Amino acid sequence: MNNTMAEELNSGARKFLSAKASLIKPVVMLGKEGATPQLIKALEEALRAHELVKLRFVDYKEDRKTIAAELARGVDARLVRIIGNVAVYYRPHEEPEKRRYTLPE
């Protein structure tokens, strides 16, 4: 895990990203198959393309906190928050000039 992902989000960054996430729709769905390699690949691709991604738990809702945290580690992203059955992930673009979001200090 790189240094930027090892750090926890501060409350200002979490609030900022949560506000931005309220404007987007879930692009990855976790269904009856669970956290398959295909789902992890889809989440990875979504993060690469968008930086801020929502994942909807269609199944495994009772385990969403554990699964959401495991997925965050698996794709080297930050779990911003879980709202109901939706997890919000953030991973800045590898190239700083292509980043969509500038987190508050």
Protein backbone atom coordinates (compact mmCIF):
# COMPACT_ATOMS: atom_id res chain seq x y z
CA MET A 1 0.00 0.00 0.00
CA ASN A 2 1.42 3.38 -0.92
CA ASN A 3 1.78 6.20 1.59
CA THR A 4 -1.23 8.18 0.39
CA MET A 5 -3.58 5.26 0.98
CA ALA A 6 -2.11 4.28 4.34
CA GLU A 7 -3.36 7.49 5.91
CA GLU A 8 -6.91 7.79 7.15
CA LEU A 9 -9.10 10.53 5.77
CA ASN A 10 -9.53 13.46 8.11
CA SER A 11 -13.05 14.69 8.85
CA GLY A 12 -12.79 17.57 6.37
CA ALA A 13 -11.74 15.27 3.54
CA ARG A 14 -14.42 12.74 4.47
CA LYS A 15 -17.09 15.45 4.49
CA PHE A 16 -15.84 16.86 1.16
CA LEU A 17 -15.83 13.44 -0.54
CA SER A 18 -19.21 12.51 0.94
CA ALA A 19 -20.71 15.68 -0.54
CA LYS A 20 -19.19 14.89 -3.95
CA ALA A 21 -20.40 11.28 -3.71
CA SER A 22 -23.97 12.43 -3.12
CA LEU A 23 -23.98 13.59 -6.75
CA ILE A 24 -22.97 10.25 -8.29
CA LYS A 25 -24.73 6.92 -8.75
CA PRO A 26 -23.39 3.50 -7.79
CA VAL A 27 -21.40 2.01 -10.67
CA VAL A 28 -20.49 -1.33 -9.07
CA MET A 29 -23.02 -3.78 -7.61
CA LEU A 30 -22.18 -6.55 -5.17
CA GLY A 31 -24.70 -9.34 -5.71
CA LYS A 32 -25.18 -12.98 -4.84
CA GLU A 33 -21.75 -13.94 -6.20
CA GLY A 34 -20.07 -11.77 -3.56
CA ALA A 35 -16.64 -10.17 -3.82
CA THR A 36 -15.44 -12.11 -6.85
CA PRO A 37 -12.27 -11.32 -8.79
CA GLN A 38 -14.55 -9.83 -11.47
CA LEU A 39 -16.14 -7.47 -8.94
CA ILE A 40 -12.73 -6.42 -7.64
CA LYS A 41 -11.59 -5.79 -11.21
CA ALA A 42 -14.72 -3.70 -11.89
CA LEU A 43 -14.12 -1.64 -8.73
CA GLU A 44 -10.47 -1.20 -9.68
CA GLU A 45 -11.40 0.02 -13.18
CA ALA A 46 -14.09 2.35 -11.81
CA LEU A 47 -11.60 3.90 -9.36
CA ARG A 48 -9.04 4.34 -12.13
CA ALA A 49 -11.63 6.12 -14.27
CA HIS A 50 -13.50 8.14 -11.64
CA GLU A 51 -11.44 8.28 -8.39
CA LEU A 52 -14.67 8.44 -6.33
CA VAL A 53 -16.93 5.40 -6.66
CA LYS A 54 -20.10 4.08 -5.07
CA LEU A 55 -20.66 0.35 -4.66
CA ARG A 56 -24.19 -0.91 -3.90
CA PHE A 57 -24.68 -4.01 -1.78
CA VAL A 58 -27.53 -5.93 -3.43
CA ASP A 59 -26.71 -9.00 -1.33
CA TYR A 60 -24.49 -9.57 1.72
CA LYS A 61 -26.00 -6.47 3.32
CA GLU A 62 -25.45 -7.81 6.83
CA ASP A 63 -21.70 -8.15 6.13
CA ARG A 64 -21.30 -4.86 4.26
CA LYS A 65 -18.94 -3.23 6.78
CA THR A 66 -16.48 -6.12 6.74
CA ILE A 67 -16.68 -6.65 2.97
CA ALA A 68 -16.39 -2.91 2.26
CA ALA A 69 -13.21 -2.66 4.34
CA GLU A 70 -11.72 -5.76 2.69
CA LEU A 71 -12.50 -4.38 -0.77
CA ALA A 72 -10.84 -1.06 0.11
CA ARG A 73 -7.65 -2.90 1.08
CA GLY A 74 -7.89 -5.09 -2.03
CA VAL A 75 -7.98 -2.13 -4.43
CA ASP A 76 -5.72 0.16 -2.37
CA ALA A 77 -8.47 2.74 -1.85
CA ARG A 78 -9.93 4.62 1.07
CA LEU A 79 -13.37 3.69 2.32
CA VAL A 80 -14.96 7.12 2.69
CA ARG A 81 -18.16 5.89 4.33
CA ILE A 82 -21.01 3.43 4.20
CA ILE A 83 -24.46 4.94 3.81
CA GLY A 84 -27.21 2.35 4.05
CA ASN A 85 -26.28 -0.35 1.55
CA VAL A 86 -23.83 1.81 -0.39
CA ALA A 87 -20.08 2.04 0.19
CA VAL A 88 -18.13 5.05 -1.08
CA TYR A 89 -14.49 4.59 -2.12
CA TYR A 90 -11.81 7.10 -3.03
CA ARG A 91 -8.44 6.64 -4.68
CA PRO A 92 -6.68 9.62 -6.29
CA HIS A 93 -5.44 9.24 -9.84
CA GLU A 94 -1.83 8.08 -10.07
CA GLU A 95 -0.92 11.17 -12.11
CA PRO A 96 -1.43 14.32 -9.98
CA GLU A 97 -2.31 16.51 -12.98
CA LYS A 98 -5.23 14.18 -13.83
CA ARG A 99 -6.80 14.20 -10.36
CA ARG A 100 -10.43 15.30 -10.21
CA TYR A 101 -10.56 16.11 -6.50
CA THR A 102 -8.31 18.23 -4.32
CA LEU A 103 -8.87 17.25 -0.72
CA PRO A 104 -9.06 19.98 1.91
CA GLU A 105 -6.22 20.04 4.44
